[in-house]
N, C-alpha and C. Protein backbone atom coordinates (compact mmCIF):
# COMPACT_ATOMS: atom_id res chain seq x y z
N UNK A 1 -13.93 -0.03 -14.80
CA UNK A 1 -14.89 -0.36 -13.78
C UNK A 1 -14.31 -1.31 -12.75
N UNK A 2 -13.32 -2.10 -13.11
CA UNK A 2 -12.74 -3.09 -12.21
C UNK A 2 -12.09 -2.46 -10.98
N UNK A 3 -11.32 -1.37 -11.17
CA UNK A 3 -10.66 -0.74 -10.03
C UNK A 3 -11.67 -0.04 -9.12
N UNK A 4 -12.73 0.49 -9.70
CA UNK A 4 -13.77 1.11 -8.88
C UNK A 4 -14.38 0.07 -7.94
N UNK A 5 -14.68 -1.10 -8.48
CA UNK A 5 -15.28 -2.16 -7.67
C UNK A 5 -14.31 -2.65 -6.60
N UNK A 6 -13.04 -2.77 -6.94
CA UNK A 6 -12.02 -3.18 -5.98
C UNK A 6 -11.94 -2.19 -4.82
N UNK A 7 -11.91 -0.90 -5.13
CA UNK A 7 -11.84 0.11 -4.07
C UNK A 7 -13.13 0.12 -3.25
N UNK A 8 -14.27 -0.05 -3.90
CA UNK A 8 -15.54 -0.09 -3.18
C UNK A 8 -15.56 -1.25 -2.19
N UNK A 9 -15.06 -2.40 -2.61
CA UNK A 9 -15.00 -3.56 -1.72
C UNK A 9 -14.04 -3.32 -0.56
N UNK A 10 -12.91 -2.68 -0.83
CA UNK A 10 -11.97 -2.35 0.25
C UNK A 10 -12.63 -1.42 1.27
N UNK A 11 -13.32 -0.40 0.78
CA UNK A 11 -14.00 0.53 1.68
C UNK A 11 -15.05 -0.18 2.51
N UNK A 12 -15.80 -1.07 1.87
CA UNK A 12 -16.84 -1.83 2.56
C UNK A 12 -16.24 -2.72 3.65
N UNK A 13 -15.19 -3.46 3.32
CA UNK A 13 -14.56 -4.36 4.28
C UNK A 13 -13.92 -3.60 5.43
N UNK A 14 -13.31 -2.47 5.13
CA UNK A 14 -12.71 -1.67 6.20
C UNK A 14 -13.76 -1.16 7.17
N UNK A 15 -14.88 -0.71 6.63
CA UNK A 15 -15.97 -0.25 7.48
C UNK A 15 -16.53 -1.41 8.31
N UNK A 16 -16.67 -2.57 7.70
CA UNK A 16 -17.21 -3.74 8.38
C UNK A 16 -16.33 -4.19 9.54
N UNK A 17 -15.00 -4.17 9.34
CA UNK A 17 -14.07 -4.66 10.36
C UNK A 17 -13.47 -3.54 11.21
N UNK A 18 -13.87 -2.31 10.99
CA UNK A 18 -13.36 -1.20 11.79
C UNK A 18 -11.94 -0.81 11.44
N UNK A 19 -11.53 -1.07 10.20
CA UNK A 19 -10.18 -0.72 9.75
C UNK A 19 -10.21 0.63 9.04
N UNK A 20 -9.03 1.14 8.77
CA UNK A 20 -8.92 2.41 8.08
C UNK A 20 -8.25 2.18 6.73
N UNK A 21 -8.87 2.67 5.66
CA UNK A 21 -8.31 2.58 4.33
C UNK A 21 -7.59 3.88 4.02
N UNK A 22 -6.32 3.78 3.69
CA UNK A 22 -5.54 4.97 3.34
C UNK A 22 -5.24 4.91 1.86
N UNK A 23 -5.65 5.94 1.14
CA UNK A 23 -5.45 6.01 -0.31
C UNK A 23 -4.42 7.09 -0.59
N UNK A 24 -3.34 6.70 -1.25
CA UNK A 24 -2.29 7.65 -1.62
C UNK A 24 -2.68 8.30 -2.93
N UNK A 25 -2.43 9.59 -3.04
CA UNK A 25 -2.73 10.34 -4.25
C UNK A 25 -2.10 9.68 -5.48
N UNK A 26 -2.85 9.58 -6.55
CA UNK A 26 -2.36 8.88 -7.74
C UNK A 26 -1.15 9.56 -8.37
N UNK A 27 -0.90 10.83 -8.08
CA UNK A 27 0.24 11.54 -8.64
C UNK A 27 1.41 11.62 -7.66
N UNK A 28 1.33 10.90 -6.55
CA UNK A 28 2.44 10.85 -5.59
C UNK A 28 3.67 10.28 -6.29
N UNK A 29 4.81 10.99 -6.27
CA UNK A 29 5.99 10.53 -7.03
C UNK A 29 6.75 9.41 -6.31
N UNK A 30 6.12 8.26 -6.15
CA UNK A 30 6.71 7.18 -5.36
C UNK A 30 7.96 6.58 -5.99
N UNK A 31 8.06 6.58 -7.31
CA UNK A 31 9.25 6.01 -7.94
C UNK A 31 10.29 7.07 -8.28
N UNK A 32 9.97 8.34 -8.06
CA UNK A 32 10.91 9.42 -8.34
C UNK A 32 11.50 10.03 -7.09
N UNK A 33 11.12 9.51 -5.91
CA UNK A 33 11.57 10.06 -4.64
C UNK A 33 12.58 9.12 -4.00
N UNK A 34 13.70 9.67 -3.57
CA UNK A 34 14.71 8.86 -2.90
C UNK A 34 14.20 8.49 -1.51
N UNK A 35 14.15 7.19 -1.21
CA UNK A 35 13.66 6.76 0.10
C UNK A 35 14.70 6.98 1.18
N UNK A 36 15.91 7.34 0.79
CA UNK A 36 16.99 7.57 1.75
C UNK A 36 17.05 9.02 2.22
N UNK A 37 16.98 9.97 1.27
CA UNK A 37 17.10 11.38 1.64
C UNK A 37 15.86 12.21 1.32
N UNK A 38 14.93 11.69 0.51
CA UNK A 38 13.70 12.41 0.19
C UNK A 38 13.78 13.30 -1.03
N UNK A 39 14.92 13.35 -1.69
CA UNK A 39 15.08 14.17 -2.89
C UNK A 39 14.20 13.61 -4.02
N UNK A 40 13.51 14.50 -4.75
CA UNK A 40 12.62 14.08 -5.83
C UNK A 40 13.30 14.37 -7.17
N UNK A 41 13.40 13.34 -8.02
CA UNK A 41 13.94 13.52 -9.37
C UNK A 41 12.88 14.17 -10.23
N UNK A 42 13.28 15.12 -11.06
CA UNK A 42 12.33 15.79 -11.93
C UNK A 42 11.97 14.94 -13.14
N UNK A 43 12.94 14.17 -13.63
CA UNK A 43 12.66 13.30 -14.78
C UNK A 43 13.25 11.93 -14.53
N UNK A 44 12.48 10.91 -14.87
CA UNK A 44 12.91 9.53 -14.72
C UNK A 44 12.16 8.72 -15.76
N UNK A 45 12.87 8.26 -16.76
CA UNK A 45 12.21 7.52 -17.84
C UNK A 45 11.86 6.11 -17.38
N UNK A 46 10.88 5.52 -18.04
CA UNK A 46 10.45 4.16 -17.68
C UNK A 46 11.54 3.13 -17.95
N UNK A 47 12.47 3.42 -18.84
CA UNK A 47 13.54 2.48 -19.15
C UNK A 47 14.60 2.42 -18.04
N UNK A 48 14.64 3.42 -17.19
CA UNK A 48 15.59 3.42 -16.06
C UNK A 48 15.02 2.53 -14.96
N UNK A 49 15.58 1.33 -14.80
CA UNK A 49 15.06 0.37 -13.82
C UNK A 49 15.76 0.49 -12.47
N UNK A 50 16.87 1.20 -12.42
CA UNK A 50 17.59 1.42 -11.17
C UNK A 50 17.53 2.90 -10.84
N UNK A 51 17.12 3.21 -9.61
CA UNK A 51 17.03 4.60 -9.16
C UNK A 51 18.39 4.99 -8.60
N UNK A 52 18.97 6.05 -9.12
CA UNK A 52 20.24 6.59 -8.63
C UNK A 52 20.01 8.02 -8.18
N UNK A 53 20.19 8.27 -6.90
CA UNK A 53 20.00 9.62 -6.36
C UNK A 53 21.28 10.43 -6.53
N UNK A 54 21.17 11.57 -7.20
CA UNK A 54 22.33 12.45 -7.38
C UNK A 54 22.67 13.20 -6.11
N UNK A 55 21.71 13.31 -5.21
CA UNK A 55 21.91 14.08 -3.98
C UNK A 55 22.71 13.31 -2.93
N UNK A 56 22.35 12.04 -2.68
CA UNK A 56 23.02 11.27 -1.62
C UNK A 56 23.73 10.01 -2.15
N UNK A 57 23.71 9.81 -3.47
CA UNK A 57 24.36 8.67 -4.13
C UNK A 57 23.75 7.32 -3.74
N UNK A 58 22.51 7.31 -3.29
CA UNK A 58 21.82 6.07 -2.97
C UNK A 58 21.34 5.43 -4.26
N UNK A 59 21.48 4.12 -4.37
CA UNK A 59 21.08 3.40 -5.57
C UNK A 59 20.25 2.18 -5.18
N UNK A 60 19.13 1.98 -5.88
CA UNK A 60 18.23 0.88 -5.54
C UNK A 60 17.31 0.59 -6.73
N UNK A 61 16.75 -0.61 -6.77
CA UNK A 61 15.79 -0.98 -7.79
C UNK A 61 14.59 -0.03 -7.73
N UNK A 62 14.12 0.39 -8.87
CA UNK A 62 13.04 1.38 -8.93
C UNK A 62 11.74 0.88 -8.29
N UNK A 63 11.41 -0.40 -8.48
CA UNK A 63 10.19 -0.94 -7.88
C UNK A 63 10.31 -1.02 -6.36
N UNK A 64 11.51 -1.30 -5.87
CA UNK A 64 11.72 -1.34 -4.42
C UNK A 64 11.61 0.06 -3.83
N UNK A 65 12.14 1.06 -4.53
CA UNK A 65 12.00 2.46 -4.09
C UNK A 65 10.53 2.83 -3.96
N UNK A 66 9.75 2.44 -4.97
CA UNK A 66 8.31 2.73 -4.95
C UNK A 66 7.65 2.09 -3.74
N UNK A 67 7.95 0.82 -3.48
CA UNK A 67 7.36 0.11 -2.36
C UNK A 67 7.76 0.74 -1.03
N UNK A 68 9.01 1.11 -0.89
CA UNK A 68 9.48 1.75 0.35
C UNK A 68 8.79 3.09 0.58
N UNK A 69 8.67 3.88 -0.48
CA UNK A 69 8.03 5.19 -0.34
C UNK A 69 6.55 5.07 -0.01
N UNK A 70 5.87 4.10 -0.60
CA UNK A 70 4.45 3.91 -0.28
C UNK A 70 4.28 3.39 1.14
N UNK A 71 5.19 2.54 1.58
CA UNK A 71 5.12 2.04 2.96
C UNK A 71 5.34 3.18 3.96
N UNK A 72 6.23 4.11 3.62
CA UNK A 72 6.47 5.24 4.51
C UNK A 72 5.33 6.25 4.47
N UNK A 73 4.55 6.24 3.38
CA UNK A 73 3.46 7.20 3.24
C UNK A 73 2.27 6.86 4.13
N UNK A 74 2.18 5.63 4.58
CA UNK A 74 1.07 5.21 5.42
C UNK A 74 1.60 4.63 6.72
N UNK A 75 0.75 4.50 7.67
CA UNK A 75 1.14 3.93 8.96
C UNK A 75 1.40 2.44 8.82
N UNK A 76 2.38 1.93 9.52
CA UNK A 76 2.69 0.51 9.44
C UNK A 76 1.73 -0.34 10.26
N UNK A 77 0.82 0.28 11.00
CA UNK A 77 -0.10 -0.48 11.83
C UNK A 77 -1.41 -0.80 11.13
N UNK A 78 -1.62 -0.29 9.92
CA UNK A 78 -2.85 -0.52 9.19
C UNK A 78 -2.79 -1.89 8.51
N UNK A 79 -3.84 -2.70 8.70
CA UNK A 79 -3.92 -3.97 7.99
C UNK A 79 -4.82 -3.80 6.78
N UNK A 80 -4.52 -4.50 5.72
CA UNK A 80 -5.23 -4.30 4.47
C UNK A 80 -6.67 -4.78 4.52
N UNK A 81 -6.94 -5.92 5.17
CA UNK A 81 -8.29 -6.45 5.11
C UNK A 81 -8.98 -6.50 6.46
N UNK A 82 -8.30 -6.14 7.52
CA UNK A 82 -8.94 -6.09 8.82
C UNK A 82 -9.13 -7.44 9.47
N UNK A 83 -8.39 -8.48 9.08
CA UNK A 83 -8.57 -9.79 9.67
C UNK A 83 -8.23 -9.80 11.16
N UNK A 84 -7.36 -8.90 11.59
CA UNK A 84 -7.01 -8.85 13.01
C UNK A 84 -8.23 -8.51 13.87
N UNK A 85 -9.12 -7.72 13.33
CA UNK A 85 -10.31 -7.31 14.07
C UNK A 85 -11.46 -8.30 13.92
N UNK A 86 -11.38 -9.19 12.94
CA UNK A 86 -12.49 -10.08 12.65
C UNK A 86 -12.48 -11.35 13.49
N UNK A 87 -11.36 -11.64 14.14
CA UNK A 87 -11.27 -12.86 14.92
C UNK A 87 -11.19 -14.11 14.05
N UNK A 88 -10.75 -13.97 12.82
CA UNK A 88 -10.63 -15.08 11.90
C UNK A 88 -9.28 -15.72 12.07
N UNK A 89 -9.25 -17.04 12.22
CA UNK A 89 -7.99 -17.75 12.38
C UNK A 89 -7.24 -17.79 11.04
N UNK A 90 -5.95 -17.61 11.09
CA UNK A 90 -5.12 -17.70 9.89
C UNK A 90 -4.41 -19.04 9.89
N UNK A 91 -4.38 -19.66 8.74
CA UNK A 91 -3.74 -20.96 8.61
C UNK A 91 -2.43 -20.81 7.86
N UNK A 92 -1.38 -21.46 8.35
CA UNK A 92 -0.09 -21.42 7.71
C UNK A 92 -0.09 -22.39 6.53
N UNK A 93 0.29 -21.88 5.36
CA UNK A 93 0.37 -22.73 4.18
C UNK A 93 1.76 -23.30 4.08
N UNK A 94 1.83 -24.58 3.73
CA UNK A 94 3.14 -25.23 3.60
C UNK A 94 3.50 -25.46 2.17
């Protein structure tokens, strides 16, 4: 129930601030896709923490590959909470 409420709140806030919520398919192979050439590995065990692409020889941390692929899956202009549209001042934390 926790994730349902989290998504509901995101949808509500996006509607309130005029933002767009982009949801990536839960089966999107973000950690199995090479962010350099786009080749998708058919098998990748959870114990493999470094992604090695056999196609282009690119090597990178698996979590970083996932983050890069998810960032490329959505537009870089979307803000998560819509603060840019709300006119809310942001304070720098020291």
